[in-house]
């Protein structure tokens, strides 16, 4: 179980770093054709990491927050699809950034809420 969590954490860290590198470079006017592949790899790694490390407890709030983290990774994957111009006739050139930001906001919200919910649960278990 601990080994599965280590693998998940490593995949998540690598995926987020790849996402950041591939997203920041075009914003500073450095665009290479292979950046979209790095971005898509990072998006896929984050989704795989989220699916590997699922919450199995009974707390409904933590289950919901972990589903939000999965939705965050799905937003990254949707932005990767848009980045590959698959939907070129239907979306604007920078719409991939909107999905990237939506995923980032969801991830930040869920991460902080999970931390506070786990502290609450730990306090409740200490009192009992």
N, C-alpha and C. Protein backbone atom coordinates (compact mmCIF):
# COMPACT_ATOMS: atom_id res chain seq x y z
N UNK A 1 0.82 -1.19 0.00
CA UNK A 1 0.00 0.00 0.00
C UNK A 1 0.86 1.26 0.00
N UNK A 2 1.91 1.25 0.82
CA UNK A 2 2.79 2.42 0.88
C UNK A 2 3.57 2.57 -0.42
N UNK A 3 3.92 1.44 -1.04
CA UNK A 3 4.63 1.48 -2.31
C UNK A 3 3.76 2.09 -3.40
N UNK A 4 2.47 1.76 -3.38
CA UNK A 4 1.53 2.33 -4.36
C UNK A 4 1.42 3.84 -4.19
N UNK A 5 1.44 4.30 -2.94
CA UNK A 5 1.35 5.73 -2.68
C UNK A 5 2.63 6.45 -3.10
N UNK A 6 3.78 5.81 -2.92
CA UNK A 6 5.05 6.41 -3.36
C UNK A 6 5.08 6.57 -4.88
N UNK A 7 4.63 5.55 -5.57
CA UNK A 7 4.59 5.61 -7.04
C UNK A 7 3.64 6.70 -7.49
N UNK A 8 2.48 6.78 -6.86
CA UNK A 8 1.50 7.79 -7.20
C UNK A 8 2.04 9.19 -6.97
N UNK A 9 2.70 9.39 -5.85
CA UNK A 9 3.27 10.70 -5.54
C UNK A 9 4.36 11.08 -6.54
N UNK A 10 5.21 10.12 -6.89
CA UNK A 10 6.27 10.39 -7.87
C UNK A 10 5.68 10.75 -9.23
N UNK A 11 4.67 10.01 -9.66
CA UNK A 11 4.02 10.31 -10.94
C UNK A 11 3.38 11.70 -10.92
N UNK A 12 2.75 12.04 -9.80
CA UNK A 12 2.09 13.34 -9.68
C UNK A 12 3.11 14.48 -9.74
N UNK A 13 4.20 14.34 -9.02
CA UNK A 13 5.23 15.39 -9.02
C UNK A 13 5.83 15.56 -10.41
N UNK A 14 6.17 14.47 -11.05
CA UNK A 14 6.74 14.54 -12.41
C UNK A 14 5.73 15.15 -13.37
N UNK A 15 4.47 14.73 -13.28
CA UNK A 15 3.43 15.25 -14.15
C UNK A 15 3.22 16.74 -13.99
N UNK A 16 3.19 17.21 -12.75
CA UNK A 16 2.97 18.64 -12.51
C UNK A 16 4.16 19.46 -12.99
N UNK A 17 5.37 18.95 -12.80
CA UNK A 17 6.56 19.66 -13.29
C UNK A 17 6.51 19.75 -14.82
N UNK A 18 6.16 18.66 -15.49
CA UNK A 18 6.05 18.69 -16.95
C UNK A 18 4.98 19.68 -17.40
N UNK A 19 3.85 19.70 -16.69
CA UNK A 19 2.79 20.66 -17.03
C UNK A 19 3.29 22.09 -16.89
N UNK A 20 3.95 22.38 -15.79
CA UNK A 20 4.44 23.74 -15.56
C UNK A 20 5.45 24.18 -16.61
N UNK A 21 6.40 23.32 -16.90
CA UNK A 21 7.44 23.66 -17.89
C UNK A 21 6.80 23.92 -19.25
N UNK A 22 5.91 23.00 -19.65
CA UNK A 22 5.30 23.13 -20.98
C UNK A 22 4.33 24.30 -21.05
N UNK A 23 3.74 24.70 -19.95
CA UNK A 23 2.78 25.81 -19.97
C UNK A 23 3.48 27.16 -19.87
N UNK A 24 4.59 27.22 -19.15
CA UNK A 24 5.27 28.50 -18.94
C UNK A 24 6.10 28.91 -20.16
N UNK A 25 6.70 27.96 -20.84
CA UNK A 25 7.57 28.31 -21.96
C UNK A 25 6.88 29.12 -23.06
N UNK A 26 5.67 28.75 -23.50
CA UNK A 26 5.02 29.60 -24.51
C UNK A 26 4.64 30.98 -23.98
N UNK A 27 4.40 31.08 -22.68
CA UNK A 27 4.03 32.36 -22.10
C UNK A 27 5.19 33.34 -22.06
N UNK A 28 6.43 32.81 -22.10
CA UNK A 28 7.61 33.67 -22.15
C UNK A 28 8.21 33.68 -23.56
N UNK A 29 7.38 33.40 -24.54
CA UNK A 29 7.72 33.46 -25.96
C UNK A 29 8.77 32.43 -26.40
N UNK A 30 8.80 31.29 -25.75
CA UNK A 30 9.64 30.18 -26.17
C UNK A 30 8.71 29.04 -26.56
N UNK A 31 8.47 28.88 -27.83
CA UNK A 31 7.57 27.82 -28.27
C UNK A 31 8.32 26.84 -29.15
N UNK A 32 8.22 25.59 -28.80
CA UNK A 32 8.80 24.50 -29.58
C UNK A 32 7.68 23.53 -29.91
N UNK A 33 7.79 22.86 -31.03
CA UNK A 33 6.71 21.96 -31.45
C UNK A 33 6.54 20.76 -30.52
N UNK A 34 7.58 20.37 -29.80
CA UNK A 34 7.50 19.21 -28.93
C UNK A 34 6.93 19.54 -27.56
N UNK A 35 6.67 20.81 -27.25
CA UNK A 35 6.13 21.18 -25.94
C UNK A 35 4.75 20.58 -25.68
N UNK A 36 3.95 20.48 -26.74
CA UNK A 36 2.61 19.93 -26.52
C UNK A 36 2.67 18.45 -26.13
N UNK A 37 3.69 17.73 -26.58
CA UNK A 37 3.85 16.34 -26.17
C UNK A 37 4.25 16.24 -24.70
N UNK A 38 5.11 17.15 -24.26
CA UNK A 38 5.49 17.19 -22.85
C UNK A 38 4.28 17.53 -21.99
N UNK A 39 3.49 18.50 -22.46
CA UNK A 39 2.28 18.89 -21.73
C UNK A 39 1.30 17.73 -21.63
N UNK A 40 1.08 17.04 -22.73
CA UNK A 40 0.15 15.91 -22.74
C UNK A 40 0.65 14.78 -21.84
N UNK A 41 1.95 14.55 -21.82
CA UNK A 41 2.52 13.53 -20.95
C UNK A 41 2.29 13.91 -19.48
N UNK A 42 2.51 15.17 -19.15
CA UNK A 42 2.28 15.63 -17.78
C UNK A 42 0.82 15.50 -17.38
N UNK A 43 -0.08 15.82 -18.29
CA UNK A 43 -1.51 15.70 -18.00
C UNK A 43 -1.90 14.24 -17.78
N UNK A 44 -1.37 13.35 -18.61
CA UNK A 44 -1.68 11.93 -18.46
C UNK A 44 -1.10 11.38 -17.16
N UNK A 45 0.11 11.80 -16.80
CA UNK A 45 0.72 11.32 -15.55
C UNK A 45 -0.07 11.77 -14.33
N UNK A 46 -0.57 13.00 -14.35
CA UNK A 46 -1.37 13.45 -13.21
C UNK A 46 -2.66 12.65 -13.09
N UNK A 47 -3.30 12.37 -14.22
CA UNK A 47 -4.53 11.58 -14.18
C UNK A 47 -4.25 10.16 -13.70
N UNK A 48 -3.20 9.55 -14.18
CA UNK A 48 -2.84 8.20 -13.74
C UNK A 48 -2.55 8.18 -12.23
N UNK A 49 -1.82 9.20 -11.76
CA UNK A 49 -1.49 9.27 -10.33
C UNK A 49 -2.75 9.41 -9.49
N UNK A 50 -3.69 10.22 -9.96
CA UNK A 50 -4.95 10.40 -9.21
C UNK A 50 -5.78 9.13 -9.20
N UNK A 51 -5.76 8.38 -10.28
CA UNK A 51 -6.53 7.15 -10.35
C UNK A 51 -5.89 6.02 -9.54
N UNK A 52 -4.57 6.03 -9.42
CA UNK A 52 -3.88 5.01 -8.63
C UNK A 52 -4.15 5.23 -7.14
N UNK A 53 -4.05 6.46 -6.68
CA UNK A 53 -4.16 6.77 -5.26
C UNK A 53 -5.57 7.25 -4.93
N UNK A 54 -6.50 6.32 -4.87
CA UNK A 54 -7.90 6.64 -4.58
C UNK A 54 -8.15 6.62 -3.08
N UNK A 55 -9.08 7.43 -2.62
CA UNK A 55 -9.46 7.44 -1.21
C UNK A 55 -10.40 6.28 -0.95
N UNK A 56 -10.11 5.51 0.09
CA UNK A 56 -10.92 4.33 0.37
C UNK A 56 -11.61 4.40 1.72
N UNK A 57 -11.55 5.54 2.39
CA UNK A 57 -12.17 5.68 3.71
C UNK A 57 -13.67 5.91 3.61
N UNK A 58 -14.26 6.24 4.77
CA UNK A 58 -15.70 6.43 4.85
C UNK A 58 -16.14 7.88 4.88
N UNK A 59 -15.21 8.82 4.96
CA UNK A 59 -15.55 10.23 5.05
C UNK A 59 -16.06 10.72 3.69
N UNK A 60 -17.31 11.15 3.66
CA UNK A 60 -17.94 11.57 2.40
C UNK A 60 -17.26 12.82 1.84
N UNK A 61 -16.87 13.73 2.72
CA UNK A 61 -16.22 14.96 2.27
C UNK A 61 -14.89 14.66 1.59
N UNK A 62 -14.10 13.75 2.16
CA UNK A 62 -12.83 13.39 1.56
C UNK A 62 -13.02 12.66 0.23
N UNK A 63 -14.07 11.85 0.14
CA UNK A 63 -14.37 11.19 -1.14
C UNK A 63 -14.68 12.24 -2.22
N UNK A 64 -15.49 13.23 -1.85
CA UNK A 64 -15.86 14.28 -2.80
C UNK A 64 -14.63 15.08 -3.21
N UNK A 65 -13.79 15.42 -2.27
CA UNK A 65 -12.59 16.20 -2.58
C UNK A 65 -11.62 15.42 -3.46
N UNK A 66 -11.52 14.13 -3.26
CA UNK A 66 -10.66 13.33 -4.13
C UNK A 66 -11.25 13.21 -5.54
N UNK A 67 -12.56 13.21 -5.64
CA UNK A 67 -13.17 13.24 -6.98
C UNK A 67 -12.90 14.58 -7.66
N UNK A 68 -12.86 15.65 -6.89
CA UNK A 68 -12.52 16.96 -7.45
C UNK A 68 -11.09 16.95 -7.98
N UNK A 69 -10.18 16.28 -7.28
CA UNK A 69 -8.80 16.17 -7.78
C UNK A 69 -8.74 15.41 -9.10
N UNK A 70 -9.57 14.38 -9.23
CA UNK A 70 -9.62 13.65 -10.50
C UNK A 70 -10.17 14.56 -11.61
N UNK A 71 -11.19 15.36 -11.28
CA UNK A 71 -11.73 16.31 -12.27
C UNK A 71 -10.67 17.34 -12.67
N UNK A 72 -9.83 17.72 -11.73
CA UNK A 72 -8.74 18.64 -12.02
C UNK A 72 -7.80 18.03 -13.07
N UNK A 73 -7.46 16.77 -12.90
CA UNK A 73 -6.58 16.10 -13.87
C UNK A 73 -7.27 15.93 -15.22
N UNK A 74 -8.58 15.72 -15.20
CA UNK A 74 -9.33 15.64 -16.46
C UNK A 74 -9.29 16.97 -17.18
N UNK A 75 -9.35 18.08 -16.43
CA UNK A 75 -9.22 19.41 -17.05
C UNK A 75 -7.87 19.55 -17.74
N UNK A 76 -6.82 19.04 -17.12
CA UNK A 76 -5.49 19.08 -17.74
C UNK A 76 -5.48 18.29 -19.05
N UNK A 77 -6.13 17.14 -19.04
CA UNK A 77 -6.17 16.30 -20.25
C UNK A 77 -6.98 16.96 -21.36
N UNK A 78 -8.07 17.62 -21.00
CA UNK A 78 -8.87 18.34 -22.00
C UNK A 78 -8.05 19.48 -22.60
N UNK A 79 -7.28 20.17 -21.76
CA UNK A 79 -6.45 21.24 -22.30
C UNK A 79 -5.36 20.69 -23.22
N UNK A 80 -4.87 19.48 -22.94
CA UNK A 80 -3.88 18.86 -23.83
C UNK A 80 -4.50 18.54 -25.18
N UNK A 81 -5.75 18.06 -25.16
CA UNK A 81 -6.45 17.77 -26.42
C UNK A 81 -6.61 19.05 -27.23
N UNK A 82 -6.99 20.12 -26.57
CA UNK A 82 -7.16 21.41 -27.26
C UNK A 82 -5.82 21.89 -27.80
N UNK A 83 -4.76 21.66 -27.04
CA UNK A 83 -3.43 22.09 -27.46
C UNK A 83 -2.98 21.39 -28.74
N UNK A 84 -3.45 20.18 -28.96
CA UNK A 84 -3.10 19.44 -30.17
C UNK A 84 -3.97 19.85 -31.37
N UNK A 85 -4.79 20.86 -31.23
CA UNK A 85 -5.63 21.39 -32.30
C UNK A 85 -6.62 20.38 -32.85
N UNK A 86 -7.02 19.43 -32.02
CA UNK A 86 -8.01 18.45 -32.45
C UNK A 86 -9.34 19.15 -32.71
N UNK A 87 -9.63 20.15 -31.90
CA UNK A 87 -10.91 20.87 -32.02
C UNK A 87 -10.68 22.26 -32.61
N UNK A 88 -9.81 22.37 -33.56
CA UNK A 88 -9.38 23.66 -34.09
C UNK A 88 -10.54 24.53 -34.56
N UNK A 89 -11.56 23.96 -35.17
CA UNK A 89 -12.66 24.77 -35.69
C UNK A 89 -13.61 25.25 -34.60
N UNK A 90 -13.51 24.67 -33.41
CA UNK A 90 -14.48 24.98 -32.36
C UNK A 90 -13.92 25.80 -31.22
N UNK A 91 -12.62 25.92 -31.08
CA UNK A 91 -12.04 26.64 -29.95
C UNK A 91 -11.03 27.68 -30.41
N UNK A 92 -10.80 28.66 -29.54
CA UNK A 92 -9.81 29.69 -29.84
C UNK A 92 -8.42 29.16 -29.52
N UNK A 93 -7.43 29.92 -29.92
CA UNK A 93 -6.04 29.48 -29.80
C UNK A 93 -5.60 29.30 -28.34
N UNK A 94 -6.07 30.13 -27.44
CA UNK A 94 -5.62 30.09 -26.05
C UNK A 94 -6.61 29.44 -25.10
N UNK A 95 -7.59 28.71 -25.60
CA UNK A 95 -8.58 28.08 -24.73
C UNK A 95 -7.97 26.99 -23.85
N UNK A 96 -6.87 26.43 -24.26
CA UNK A 96 -6.22 25.42 -23.43
C UNK A 96 -5.81 26.00 -22.09
N UNK A 97 -5.49 27.30 -22.07
CA UNK A 97 -5.11 27.95 -20.81
C UNK A 97 -6.28 28.00 -19.83
N UNK A 98 -7.49 28.15 -20.34
CA UNK A 98 -8.66 28.19 -19.47
C UNK A 98 -8.83 26.87 -18.74
N UNK A 99 -8.65 25.76 -19.44
CA UNK A 99 -8.77 24.46 -18.79
C UNK A 99 -7.61 24.20 -17.85
N UNK A 100 -6.43 24.68 -18.19
CA UNK A 100 -5.28 24.56 -17.30
C UNK A 100 -5.55 25.31 -16.00
N UNK A 101 -6.04 26.54 -16.11
CA UNK A 101 -6.33 27.33 -14.91
C UNK A 101 -7.48 26.74 -14.10
N UNK A 102 -8.49 26.23 -14.77
CA UNK A 102 -9.61 25.60 -14.05
C UNK A 102 -9.11 24.39 -13.27
N UNK A 103 -8.28 23.58 -13.89
CA UNK A 103 -7.72 22.42 -13.20
C UNK A 103 -6.84 22.83 -12.03
N UNK A 104 -6.06 23.89 -12.21
CA UNK A 104 -5.19 24.35 -11.13
C UNK A 104 -6.00 24.88 -9.95
N UNK A 105 -7.06 25.63 -10.23
CA UNK A 105 -7.91 26.16 -9.16
C UNK A 105 -8.58 25.02 -8.41
N UNK A 106 -9.11 24.04 -9.14
CA UNK A 106 -9.72 22.89 -8.48
C UNK A 106 -8.71 22.14 -7.62
N UNK A 107 -7.51 21.97 -8.12
CA UNK A 107 -6.49 21.25 -7.39
C UNK A 107 -6.09 22.00 -6.12
N UNK A 108 -5.90 23.29 -6.21
CA UNK A 108 -5.52 24.08 -5.04
C UNK A 108 -6.62 24.05 -3.99
N UNK A 109 -7.86 24.24 -4.41
CA UNK A 109 -8.99 24.19 -3.48
C UNK A 109 -9.07 22.84 -2.77
N UNK A 110 -9.04 21.77 -3.55
CA UNK A 110 -9.20 20.43 -2.97
C UNK A 110 -8.03 20.08 -2.06
N UNK A 111 -6.83 20.48 -2.41
CA UNK A 111 -5.66 20.16 -1.60
C UNK A 111 -5.77 20.81 -0.22
N UNK A 112 -6.13 22.08 -0.17
CA UNK A 112 -6.26 22.75 1.12
C UNK A 112 -7.42 22.20 1.94
N UNK A 113 -8.52 21.90 1.27
CA UNK A 113 -9.68 21.35 1.98
C UNK A 113 -9.40 19.94 2.50
N UNK A 114 -8.68 19.13 1.75
CA UNK A 114 -8.33 17.78 2.21
C UNK A 114 -7.47 17.87 3.46
N UNK A 115 -6.51 18.78 3.44
CA UNK A 115 -5.63 18.94 4.60
C UNK A 115 -6.43 19.33 5.85
N UNK A 116 -7.33 20.29 5.71
CA UNK A 116 -8.11 20.71 6.88
C UNK A 116 -9.09 19.63 7.32
N UNK A 117 -9.65 18.90 6.39
CA UNK A 117 -10.59 17.83 6.72
C UNK A 117 -9.87 16.68 7.43
N UNK A 118 -8.65 16.38 7.01
CA UNK A 118 -7.89 15.32 7.68
C UNK A 118 -7.50 15.73 9.10
N UNK A 119 -7.19 17.02 9.31
CA UNK A 119 -6.90 17.50 10.66
C UNK A 119 -8.13 17.39 11.54
N UNK A 120 -9.29 17.75 10.98
CA UNK A 120 -10.55 17.65 11.72
C UNK A 120 -10.84 16.20 12.11
N UNK A 121 -10.62 15.31 11.17
CA UNK A 121 -10.88 13.89 11.43
C UNK A 121 -9.90 13.34 12.47
N UNK A 122 -8.65 13.80 12.43
CA UNK A 122 -7.67 13.35 13.41
C UNK A 122 -8.04 13.83 14.81
N UNK A 123 -8.52 15.07 14.92
CA UNK A 123 -8.96 15.59 16.23
C UNK A 123 -10.15 14.79 16.75
N UNK A 124 -11.07 14.47 15.85
CA UNK A 124 -12.25 13.72 16.25
C UNK A 124 -11.87 12.33 16.73
N UNK A 125 -10.90 11.70 16.07
CA UNK A 125 -10.45 10.37 16.47
C UNK A 125 -9.66 10.41 17.78
N UNK A 126 -8.95 11.51 18.05
CA UNK A 126 -8.20 11.62 19.30
C UNK A 126 -9.14 11.77 20.49
N UNK A 127 -10.26 12.46 20.31
CA UNK A 127 -11.22 12.65 21.39
C UNK A 127 -11.94 11.36 21.73
N UNK A 128 -12.12 10.50 20.75
CA UNK A 128 -12.84 9.24 20.99
C UNK A 128 -11.93 8.24 21.52
